Every structure is written in C-alpha cells, then in structure tokens.
Amino acid sequence: MDAAQLGAALRTRRRELDLTQSETADLADVSIRVLSDLENGRETVRLDILSAVADALGLSLNLGVQRP
C-alpha cells in the first residue's frame, strides 16, 4: 500500500464514522494539517502518528512482512 492508498483508506474510514478532520485530529492528538497531508498522500508520517490516527478511527495496523 502506498501513501495515496493509505490516505484514501483513512479518509474513507473517517467519513464512515461521520467525523470531521478537526474531530479526528483532536482524537489522535495531531494537527489538522498533518491529518490532511496524510489523507492526501502528501505526508510521510512517523509510525506513532499513523498509529494514533488509526486508533482514533478504530483501525489496527498490520505490520506483517509480505512474502511472495
């Protein structure tokens, strides 16, 4: 999954939960700008920030290694 796909998935989930970017940023304790950049695939984000946003949206991160 690339940054654009990840951002789209986060945005879709946020909208499913009927949350604004502001509400989600508050829940994740990140700035609206960071969240917006993440959702639009413009931000390479630290794992702790990605984890906080995922938690705020009720998502889990699968960090397993893909094998051929």
PDB file of N, CA and C in Angstrom:
ATOM      1  N   MET A   1       0.860  -1.167   0.000  1.00  0.00           N
ATOM      2  CA  MET A   1       0.000   0.000   0.000  1.00  0.00           C
ATOM      3  C   MET A   1       0.907   1.231   0.000  1.00  0.00           C
ATOM      4  N   ASP A   2       0.638   2.128  -0.940  1.00  0.00           N
ATOM      5  CA  ASP A   2       1.429   3.353  -0.992  1.00  0.00           C
ATOM      6  C   ASP A   2       0.746   4.460  -0.181  1.00  0.00           C
ATOM      7  N   ALA A   3       1.396   5.613  -0.118  1.00  0.00           N
ATOM      8  CA  ALA A   3       0.896   6.720   0.713  1.00  0.00           C
ATOM      9  C   ALA A   3      -0.486   7.195   0.267  1.00  0.00           C
ATOM     10  N   ALA A   4      -0.728   7.228  -1.033  1.00  0.00           N
ATOM     11  CA  ALA A   4      -2.030   7.682  -1.543  1.00  0.00           C
ATOM     12  C   ALA A   4      -3.136   6.698  -1.164  1.00  0.00           C
ATOM     13  N   GLN A   5      -2.864   5.409  -1.272  1.00  0.00           N
ATOM     14  CA  GLN A   5      -3.851   4.393  -0.908  1.00  0.00           C
ATOM     15  C   GLN A   5      -4.134   4.409   0.589  1.00  0.00           C
ATOM     16  N   LEU A   6      -3.087   4.570   1.379  1.00  0.00           N
ATOM     17  CA  LEU A   6      -3.257   4.647   2.826  1.00  0.00           C
ATOM     18  C   LEU A   6      -4.103   5.852   3.193  1.00  0.00           C
ATOM     19  N   GLY A   7      -3.790   6.990   2.616  1.00  0.00           N
ATOM     20  CA  GLY A   7      -4.543   8.210   2.888  1.00  0.00           C
ATOM     21  C   GLY A   7      -6.005   8.074   2.512  1.00  0.00           C
ATOM     22  N   ALA A   8      -6.260   7.457   1.354  1.00  0.00           N
ATOM     23  CA  ALA A   8      -7.638   7.262   0.902  1.00  0.00           C
ATOM     24  C   ALA A   8      -8.399   6.346   1.860  1.00  0.00           C
ATOM     25  N   ALA A   9      -7.729   5.309   2.354  1.00  0.00           N
ATOM     26  CA  ALA A   9      -8.370   4.391   3.298  1.00  0.00           C
ATOM     27  C   ALA A   9      -8.706   5.102   4.611  1.00  0.00           C
ATOM     28  N   LEU A  10      -7.799   5.931   5.088  1.00  0.00           N
ATOM     29  CA  LEU A  10      -8.055   6.674   6.320  1.00  0.00           C
ATOM     30  C   LEU A  10      -9.200   7.667   6.139  1.00  0.00           C
ATOM     31  N   ARG A  11      -9.220   8.363   5.012  1.00  0.00           N
ATOM     32  CA  ARG A  11     -10.283   9.326   4.733  1.00  0.00           C
ATOM     33  C   ARG A  11     -11.640   8.621   4.629  1.00  0.00           C
ATOM     34  N   THR A  12     -11.670   7.486   3.943  1.00  0.00           N
ATOM     35  CA  THR A  12     -12.910   6.719   3.805  1.00  0.00           C
ATOM     36  C   THR A  12     -13.431   6.299   5.174  1.00  0.00           C
ATOM     37  N   ARG A  13     -12.556   5.797   6.027  1.00  0.00           N
ATOM     38  CA  ARG A  13     -12.975   5.369   7.361  1.00  0.00           C
ATOM     39  C   ARG A  13     -13.466   6.547   8.187  1.00  0.00           C
ATOM     40  N   ARG A  14     -12.769   7.682   8.098  1.00  0.00           N
ATOM     41  CA  ARG A  14     -13.186   8.866   8.846  1.00  0.00           C
ATOM     42  C   ARG A  14     -14.590   9.284   8.435  1.00  0.00           C
ATOM     43  N   ARG A  15     -14.842   9.260   7.138  1.00  0.00           N
ATOM     44  CA  ARG A  15     -16.161   9.636   6.641  1.00  0.00           C
ATOM     45  C   ARG A  15     -17.228   8.624   7.039  1.00  0.00           C
ATOM     46  N   GLU A  16     -16.871   7.336   7.068  1.00  0.00           N
ATOM     47  CA  GLU A  16     -17.812   6.310   7.524  1.00  0.00           C
ATOM     48  C   GLU A  16     -18.248   6.572   8.964  1.00  0.00           C
ATOM     49  N   LEU A  17     -17.314   7.081   9.755  1.00  0.00           N
ATOM     50  CA  LEU A  17     -17.602   7.386  11.161  1.00  0.00           C
ATOM     51  C   LEU A  17     -18.235   8.759  11.330  1.00  0.00           C
ATOM     52  N   ASP A  18     -18.437   9.468  10.222  1.00  0.00           N
ATOM     53  CA  ASP A  18     -19.034  10.799  10.222  1.00  0.00           C
ATOM     54  C   ASP A  18     -18.248  11.772  11.106  1.00  0.00           C
ATOM     55  N   LEU A  19     -16.920  11.703  10.967  1.00  0.00           N
ATOM     56  CA  LEU A  19     -16.030  12.589  11.720  1.00  0.00           C
ATOM     57  C   LEU A  19     -15.434  13.626  10.773  1.00  0.00           C
ATOM     58  N   THR A  20     -15.249  14.833  11.273  1.00  0.00           N
ATOM     59  CA  THR A  20     -14.540  15.848  10.518  1.00  0.00           C
ATOM     60  C   THR A  20     -13.036  15.639  10.698  1.00  0.00           C
ATOM     61  N   GLN A  21     -12.262  16.307   9.864  1.00  0.00           N
ATOM     62  CA  GLN A  21     -10.815  16.245  10.058  1.00  0.00           C
ATOM     63  C   GLN A  21     -10.443  16.826  11.415  1.00  0.00           C
ATOM     64  N   SER A  22     -11.111  17.886  11.809  1.00  0.00           N
ATOM     65  CA  SER A  22     -10.826  18.509  13.094  1.00  0.00           C
ATOM     66  C   SER A  22     -11.096  17.550  14.255  1.00  0.00           C
ATOM     67  N   GLU A  23     -12.228  16.875  14.208  1.00  0.00           N
ATOM     68  CA  GLU A  23     -12.569  15.925  15.271  1.00  0.00           C
ATOM     69  C   GLU A  23     -11.564  14.778  15.319  1.00  0.00           C
ATOM     70  N   THR A  24     -11.203  14.277  14.148  1.00  0.00           N
ATOM     71  CA  THR A  24     -10.253  13.164  14.083  1.00  0.00           C
ATOM     72  C   THR A  24      -8.876  13.600  14.565  1.00  0.00           C
ATOM     73  N   ALA A  25      -8.454  14.775  14.157  1.00  0.00           N
ATOM     74  CA  ALA A  25      -7.157  15.293  14.607  1.00  0.00           C
ATOM     75  C   ALA A  25      -7.140  15.441  16.120  1.00  0.00           C
ATOM     76  N   ASP A  26      -8.237  15.933  16.693  1.00  0.00           N
ATOM     77  CA  ASP A  26      -8.315  16.051  18.151  1.00  0.00           C
ATOM     78  C   ASP A  26      -8.222  14.688  18.822  1.00  0.00           C
ATOM     79  N   LEU A  27      -8.947  13.697  18.288  1.00  0.00           N
ATOM     80  CA  LEU A  27      -8.923  12.354  18.866  1.00  0.00           C
ATOM     81  C   LEU A  27      -7.527  11.733  18.797  1.00  0.00           C
ATOM     82  N   ALA A  28      -6.818  12.018  17.715  1.00  0.00           N
ATOM     83  CA  ALA A  28      -5.484  11.449  17.511  1.00  0.00           C
ATOM     84  C   ALA A  28      -4.372  12.316  18.089  1.00  0.00           C
ATOM     85  N   ASP A  29      -4.739  13.513  18.564  1.00  0.00           N
ATOM     86  CA  ASP A  29      -3.775  14.464  19.115  1.00  0.00           C
ATOM     87  C   ASP A  29      -2.699  14.836  18.088  1.00  0.00           C
ATOM     88  N   VAL A  30      -3.175  15.131  16.861  1.00  0.00           N
ATOM     89  CA  VAL A  30      -2.297  15.613  15.795  1.00  0.00           C
ATOM     90  C   VAL A  30      -2.921  16.878  15.220  1.00  0.00           C
ATOM     91  N   SER A  31      -2.152  17.609  14.434  1.00  0.00           N
ATOM     92  CA  SER A  31      -2.694  18.819  13.819  1.00  0.00           C
ATOM     93  C   SER A  31      -3.572  18.447  12.620  1.00  0.00           C
ATOM     94  N   ILE A  32      -4.481  19.343  12.294  1.00  0.00           N
ATOM     95  CA  ILE A  32      -5.336  19.136  11.124  1.00  0.00           C
ATOM     96  C   ILE A  32      -4.473  19.064   9.870  1.00  0.00           C
ATOM     97  N   ARG A  33      -3.436  19.867   9.813  1.00  0.00           N
ATOM     98  CA  ARG A  33      -2.555  19.863   8.634  1.00  0.00           C
ATOM     99  C   ARG A  33      -1.902  18.501   8.452  1.00  0.00           C
ATOM    100  N   VAL A  34      -1.395  17.910   9.524  1.00  0.00           N
ATOM    101  CA  VAL A  34      -0.771  16.590   9.421  1.00  0.00           C
ATOM    102  C   VAL A  34      -1.793  15.570   8.938  1.00  0.00           C
ATOM    103  N   LEU A  35      -2.999  15.607   9.502  1.00  0.00           N
ATOM    104  CA  LEU A  35      -4.040  14.672   9.088  1.00  0.00           C
ATOM    105  C   LEU A  35      -4.404  14.881   7.620  1.00  0.00           C
ATOM    106  N   SER A  36      -4.570  16.117   7.211  1.00  0.00           N
ATOM    107  CA  SER A  36      -4.907  16.421   5.818  1.00  0.00           C
ATOM    108  C   SER A  36      -3.813  15.926   4.876  1.00  0.00           C
ATOM    109  N   ASP A  37      -2.567  16.210   5.211  1.00  0.00           N
ATOM    110  CA  ASP A  37      -1.454  15.748   4.376  1.00  0.00           C
ATOM    111  C   ASP A  37      -1.419  14.220   4.315  1.00  0.00           C
ATOM    112  N   LEU A  38      -1.681  13.571   5.430  1.00  0.00           N
ATOM    113  CA  LEU A  38      -1.702  12.108   5.470  1.00  0.00           C
ATOM    114  C   LEU A  38      -2.822  11.567   4.582  1.00  0.00           C
ATOM    115  N   GLU A  39      -4.016  12.129   4.705  1.00  0.00           N
ATOM    116  CA  GLU A  39      -5.152  11.677   3.907  1.00  0.00           C
ATOM    117  C   GLU A  39      -4.940  11.904   2.414  1.00  0.00           C
ATOM    118  N   ASN A  40      -4.168  12.895   2.060  1.00  0.00           N
ATOM    119  CA  ASN A  40      -3.939  13.215   0.655  1.00  0.00           C
ATOM    120  C   ASN A  40      -2.643  12.628   0.109  1.00  0.00           C
ATOM    121  N   GLY A  41      -2.007  11.767   0.884  1.00  0.00           N
ATOM    122  CA  GLY A  41      -0.805  11.090   0.428  1.00  0.00           C
ATOM    123  C   GLY A  41       0.396  11.984   0.286  1.00  0.00           C
ATOM    124  N   ARG A  42       0.354  13.148   0.931  1.00  0.00           N
ATOM    125  CA  ARG A  42       1.461  14.107   0.816  1.00  0.00           C
ATOM    126  C   ARG A  42       2.434  14.006   1.977  1.00  0.00           C
ATOM    127  N   GLU A  43       2.108  13.220   2.953  1.00  0.00           N
ATOM    128  CA  GLU A  43       2.896  13.220   4.175  1.00  0.00           C
ATOM    129  C   GLU A  43       3.477  11.834   4.439  1.00  0.00           C
ATOM    130  N   THR A  44       4.774  11.777   4.605  1.00  0.00           N
ATOM    131  CA  THR A  44       5.393  10.579   5.143  1.00  0.00           C
ATOM    132  C   THR A  44       5.401  10.793   6.639  1.00  0.00           C
ATOM    133  N   VAL A  45       4.712   9.941   7.337  1.00  0.00           N
ATOM    134  CA  VAL A  45       4.426  10.204   8.729  1.00  0.00           C
ATOM    135  C   VAL A  45       5.111   9.175   9.623  1.00  0.00           C
ATOM    136  N   ARG A  46       5.432   9.610  10.809  1.00  0.00           N
ATOM    137  CA  ARG A  46       6.040   8.702  11.784  1.00  0.00           C
ATOM    138  C   ARG A  46       5.021   7.639  12.188  1.00  0.00           C
ATOM    139  N   LEU A  47       5.529   6.488  12.567  1.00  0.00           N
ATOM    140  CA  LEU A  47       4.672   5.372  12.946  1.00  0.00           C
ATOM    141  C   LEU A  47       3.777   5.720  14.125  1.00  0.00           C
ATOM    142  N   ASP A  48       4.277   6.480  15.092  1.00  0.00           N
ATOM    143  CA  ASP A  48       3.450   6.819  16.253  1.00  0.00           C
ATOM    144  C   ASP A  48       2.260   7.693  15.854  1.00  0.00           C
ATOM    145  N   ILE A  49       2.446   8.570  14.883  1.00  0.00           N
ATOM    146  CA  ILE A  49       1.346   9.411  14.414  1.00  0.00           C
ATOM    147  C   ILE A  49       0.345   8.568  13.639  1.00  0.00           C
ATOM    148  N   LEU A  50       0.833   7.731  12.746  1.00  0.00           N
ATOM    149  CA  LEU A  50      -0.053   6.846  11.988  1.00  0.00           C
ATOM    150  C   LEU A  50      -0.843   5.944  12.937  1.00  0.00           C
ATOM    151  N   SER A  51      -0.192   5.430  13.948  1.00  0.00           N
ATOM    152  CA  SER A  51      -0.861   4.582  14.930  1.00  0.00           C
ATOM    153  C   SER A  51      -1.942   5.346  15.682  1.00  0.00           C
ATOM    154  N   ALA A  52      -1.664   6.586  16.058  1.00  0.00           N
ATOM    155  CA  ALA A  52      -2.648   7.401  16.773  1.00  0.00           C
ATOM    156  C   ALA A  52      -3.869   7.675  15.905  1.00  0.00           C
ATOM    157  N   VAL A  53      -3.656   7.975  14.631  1.00  0.00           N
ATOM    158  CA  VAL A  53      -4.778   8.226  13.719  1.00  0.00           C
ATOM    159  C   VAL A  53      -5.572   6.936  13.521  1.00  0.00           C
ATOM    160  N   ALA A  54      -4.886   5.834  13.316  1.00  0.00           N
ATOM    161  CA  ALA A  54      -5.575   4.552  13.151  1.00  0.00           C
ATOM    162  C   ALA A  54      -6.403   4.221  14.393  1.00  0.00           C
ATOM    163  N   ASP A  55      -5.836   4.418  15.564  1.00  0.00           N
ATOM    164  CA  ASP A  55      -6.571   4.168  16.808  1.00  0.00           C
ATOM    165  C   ASP A  55      -7.810   5.050  16.900  1.00  0.00           C
ATOM    166  N   ALA A  56      -7.672   6.320  16.544  1.00  0.00           N
ATOM    167  CA  ALA A  56      -8.796   7.258  16.598  1.00  0.00           C
ATOM    168  C   ALA A  56      -9.925   6.821  15.668  1.00  0.00           C
ATOM    169  N   LEU A  57      -9.574   6.103  14.606  1.00  0.00           N
ATOM    170  CA  LEU A  57     -10.556   5.656  13.630  1.00  0.00           C
ATOM    171  C   LEU A  57     -10.986   4.201  13.850  1.00  0.00           C
ATOM    172  N   GLY A  58     -10.496   3.604  14.930  1.00  0.00           N
ATOM    173  CA  GLY A  58     -10.863   2.223  15.232  1.00  0.00           C
ATOM    174  C   GLY A  58     -10.232   1.214  14.295  1.00  0.00           C
ATOM    175  N   LEU A  59      -9.066   1.546  13.755  1.00  0.00           N
ATOM    176  CA  LEU A  59      -8.357   0.662  12.842  1.00  0.00           C
ATOM    177  C   LEU A  59      -7.114   0.105  13.508  1.00  0.00           C
ATOM    178  N   SER A  60      -6.651  -1.033  13.029  1.00  0.00           N
ATOM    179  CA  SER A  60      -5.388  -1.570  13.520  1.00  0.00           C
ATOM    180  C   SER A  60      -4.391  -1.578  12.369  1.00  0.00           C
ATOM    181  N   LEU A  61      -3.142  -1.540  12.716  1.00  0.00           N
ATOM    182  CA  LEU A  61      -2.082  -1.572  11.708  1.00  0.00           C
ATOM    183  C   LEU A  61      -1.545  -2.990  11.603  1.00  0.00           C
ATOM    184  N   ASN A  62      -1.455  -3.490  10.391  1.00  0.00           N
ATOM    185  CA  ASN A  62      -0.853  -4.784  10.160  1.00  0.00           C
ATOM    186  C   ASN A  62       0.538  -4.537   9.625  1.00  0.00           C
ATOM    187  N   LEU A  63       1.534  -4.816  10.448  1.00  0.00           N
ATOM    188  CA  LEU A  63       2.909  -4.543  10.062  1.00  0.00           C
ATOM    189  C   LEU A  63       3.638  -5.817   9.653  1.00  0.00           C
ATOM    190  N   GLY A  64       2.869  -6.841   9.329  1.00  0.00           N
ATOM    191  CA  GLY A  64       3.466  -8.112   8.918  1.00  0.00           C
ATOM    192  C   GLY A  64       4.225  -7.975   7.613  1.00  0.00           C
ATOM    193  N   VAL A  65       5.197  -8.813   7.450  1.00  0.00           N
ATOM    194  CA  VAL A  65       6.010  -8.828   6.234  1.00  0.00           C
ATOM    195  C   VAL A  65       5.273  -9.639   5.193  1.00  0.00           C
ATOM    196  N   GLN A  66       5.172  -9.083   4.000  1.00  0.00           N
ATOM    197  CA  GLN A  66       4.533  -9.800   2.903  1.00  0.00           C
ATOM    198  C   GLN A  66       5.557 -10.717   2.281  1.00  0.00           C
ATOM    199  N   ARG A  67       5.153 -11.935   2.068  1.00  0.00           N
ATOM    200  CA  ARG A  67       6.039 -12.900   1.442  1.00  0.00           C
ATOM    201  C   ARG A  67       5.503 -13.232   0.059  1.00  0.00           C
ATOM    202  N   PRO A  68       6.426 -13.483  -0.866  1.00  0.00           N
ATOM    203  CA  PRO A  68       6.000 -13.797  -2.240  1.00  0.00           C
ATOM    204  C   PRO A  68       5.158 -15.054  -2.335  1.00  0.00           C
TER     205      PRO A  68
END
